[in-house]
Amino acid sequence: MHNIKKLKIWNDSINLCVEVYRALANMPNDEKYGLSSQIKRSAVSISSNIAEGAGREREKEFYYFLNIAYGSSYELQTQLIICEKLNFISEEINQPLLHRLDEVQKMIYVFKENINKKII
């Protein structure tokens, strides 16, 4: 098992989630239960799945949950791009989010690859 509080990947994904929530604060009310809700679920899913995997006893299980987190990160990326194209958030707000998300995606990928080498 891993101590998630010491995992940079988990801490960075938590920070990303907080930033996403702040960025969505001014979205139109009619999107509160639509795209906004979906974006928030995707953002929360990344750190939550990293945490769940870290709490498992086997590396193979951690790898499984990292895969889910990785998928959620691409879901979030797509939703943020849609949000910007619909002018719900500005490019100035979105680009730093997408950059931070890219960094989290790279960390998840590397972490997955390192675990995969252990379980093969």
Protein backbone atom coordinates (compact mmCIF):
# COMPACT_ATOMS: atom_id res chain seq x y z
CA MET A 1 0.00 0.00 0.00
CA HIS A 2 1.09 3.54 -0.70
CA ASN A 3 0.82 6.64 1.47
CA ILE A 4 -1.28 8.86 -0.83
CA LYS A 5 -0.40 12.02 1.07
CA LYS A 6 3.18 11.55 -0.10
CA LEU A 7 2.28 10.80 -3.72
CA LYS A 8 2.92 13.83 -5.94
CA ILE A 9 0.55 12.40 -8.52
CA TRP A 10 -2.30 12.37 -5.98
CA ASN A 11 -1.53 15.83 -4.61
CA ASP A 12 -1.31 17.35 -8.09
CA SER A 13 -4.59 15.74 -9.14
CA ILE A 14 -6.28 17.13 -6.01
CA ASN A 15 -4.97 20.61 -6.84
CA LEU A 16 -6.19 20.24 -10.42
CA CYS A 17 -9.65 19.29 -9.16
CA VAL A 18 -9.80 22.37 -6.93
CA GLU A 19 -8.76 24.58 -9.84
CA VAL A 20 -11.41 23.03 -12.08
CA TYR A 21 -14.11 23.69 -9.49
CA ARG A 22 -12.99 27.32 -9.20
CA ALA A 23 -12.94 27.74 -12.98
CA LEU A 24 -16.51 26.49 -13.25
CA ALA A 25 -17.86 28.84 -10.58
CA ASN A 26 -19.15 31.29 -13.18
CA MET A 27 -20.65 28.80 -15.62
CA PRO A 28 -24.26 29.43 -16.67
CA ASN A 29 -26.83 28.10 -14.21
CA ASP A 30 -28.49 25.97 -16.88
CA GLU A 31 -25.23 24.01 -17.15
CA LYS A 32 -25.06 23.31 -13.42
CA TYR A 33 -26.45 19.80 -13.90
CA GLY A 34 -25.13 19.28 -17.41
CA LEU A 35 -21.58 19.76 -18.59
CA SER A 36 -20.45 21.39 -15.34
CA SER A 37 -21.55 18.39 -13.31
CA GLN A 38 -19.84 15.96 -15.71
CA ILE A 39 -16.60 17.96 -15.63
CA LYS A 40 -16.59 17.96 -11.84
CA ARG A 41 -17.17 14.18 -11.72
CA SER A 42 -14.28 13.59 -14.12
CA ALA A 43 -11.96 15.85 -12.13
CA VAL A 44 -12.86 14.14 -8.84
CA SER A 45 -12.52 10.71 -10.44
CA ILE A 46 -8.83 11.21 -11.21
CA SER A 47 -7.65 11.73 -7.63
CA SER A 48 -10.26 9.33 -6.22
CA ASN A 49 -9.09 6.44 -8.39
CA ILE A 50 -5.45 7.15 -7.61
CA ALA A 51 -6.38 7.02 -3.91
CA GLU A 52 -8.40 3.84 -4.26
CA GLY A 53 -5.60 2.12 -6.14
CA ALA A 54 -3.00 3.27 -3.65
CA GLY A 55 -5.06 1.73 -0.87
CA ARG A 56 -5.07 -1.71 -2.48
CA GLU A 57 -2.65 -4.42 -1.45
CA ARG A 58 -1.57 -5.54 -4.89
CA GLU A 59 0.27 -3.51 -7.50
CA LYS A 60 -1.94 -5.05 -10.18
CA GLU A 61 -4.97 -3.47 -8.51
CA PHE A 62 -3.21 -0.11 -8.30
CA TYR A 63 -2.45 -0.37 -12.01
CA TYR A 64 -6.14 -1.02 -12.71
CA PHE A 65 -7.24 2.11 -10.83
CA LEU A 66 -4.51 4.20 -12.45
CA ASN A 67 -5.97 3.16 -15.80
CA ILE A 68 -9.37 4.44 -14.70
CA ALA A 69 -7.80 7.71 -13.50
CA TYR A 70 -5.99 8.01 -16.84
CA GLY A 71 -9.25 7.54 -18.74
CA SER A 72 -10.96 10.12 -16.55
CA SER A 73 -8.17 12.59 -17.31
CA TYR A 74 -8.88 12.32 -21.04
CA GLU A 75 -12.58 12.64 -20.36
CA LEU A 76 -11.85 15.83 -18.42
CA GLN A 77 -9.64 17.14 -21.22
CA THR A 78 -12.42 16.65 -23.76
CA GLN A 79 -15.01 18.30 -21.54
CA LEU A 80 -12.81 21.32 -20.84
CA ILE A 81 -12.21 21.82 -24.56
CA ILE A 82 -15.97 21.60 -25.23
CA CYS A 83 -16.57 24.07 -22.42
CA GLU A 84 -14.15 26.54 -23.97
CA LYS A 85 -15.63 26.10 -27.46
CA LEU A 86 -19.07 26.87 -26.02
CA ASN A 87 -17.60 30.00 -24.39
CA PHE A 88 -18.52 28.79 -20.90
CA ILE A 89 -14.92 29.39 -19.81
CA SER A 90 -12.30 31.58 -21.43
CA GLU A 91 -9.14 30.41 -23.12
CA GLU A 92 -7.16 32.32 -20.46
CA ILE A 93 -8.76 30.19 -17.73
CA ASN A 94 -8.82 26.93 -19.66
CA GLN A 95 -5.27 26.78 -21.03
CA PRO A 96 -3.58 26.64 -17.60
CA LEU A 97 -6.04 23.91 -16.59
CA LEU A 98 -5.26 21.91 -19.71
CA HIS A 99 -1.54 22.38 -19.10
CA ARG A 100 -1.83 21.15 -15.51
CA LEU A 101 -3.98 18.26 -16.72
CA ASP A 102 -1.32 17.36 -19.29
CA GLU A 103 1.25 17.19 -16.48
CA VAL A 104 -1.03 14.93 -14.43
CA GLN A 105 -1.61 12.70 -17.47
CA LYS A 106 2.15 12.33 -17.97
CA MET A 107 2.62 11.42 -14.30
CA ILE A 108 -0.16 8.83 -14.41
CA TYR A 109 1.33 7.30 -17.56
CA VAL A 110 4.82 7.05 -16.08
CA PHE A 111 3.46 5.68 -12.80
CA LYS A 112 1.45 3.06 -14.70
CA GLU A 113 4.48 2.03 -16.75
CA ASN A 114 6.62 1.66 -13.63
CA ILE A 115 3.99 -0.51 -11.94
CA ASN A 116 3.50 -2.54 -15.12
CA LYS A 117 7.22 -3.40 -15.12
CA LYS A 118 6.83 -4.78 -11.57
CA ILE A 119 3.80 -6.94 -12.28
CA ILE A 120 5.00 -8.52 -15.53
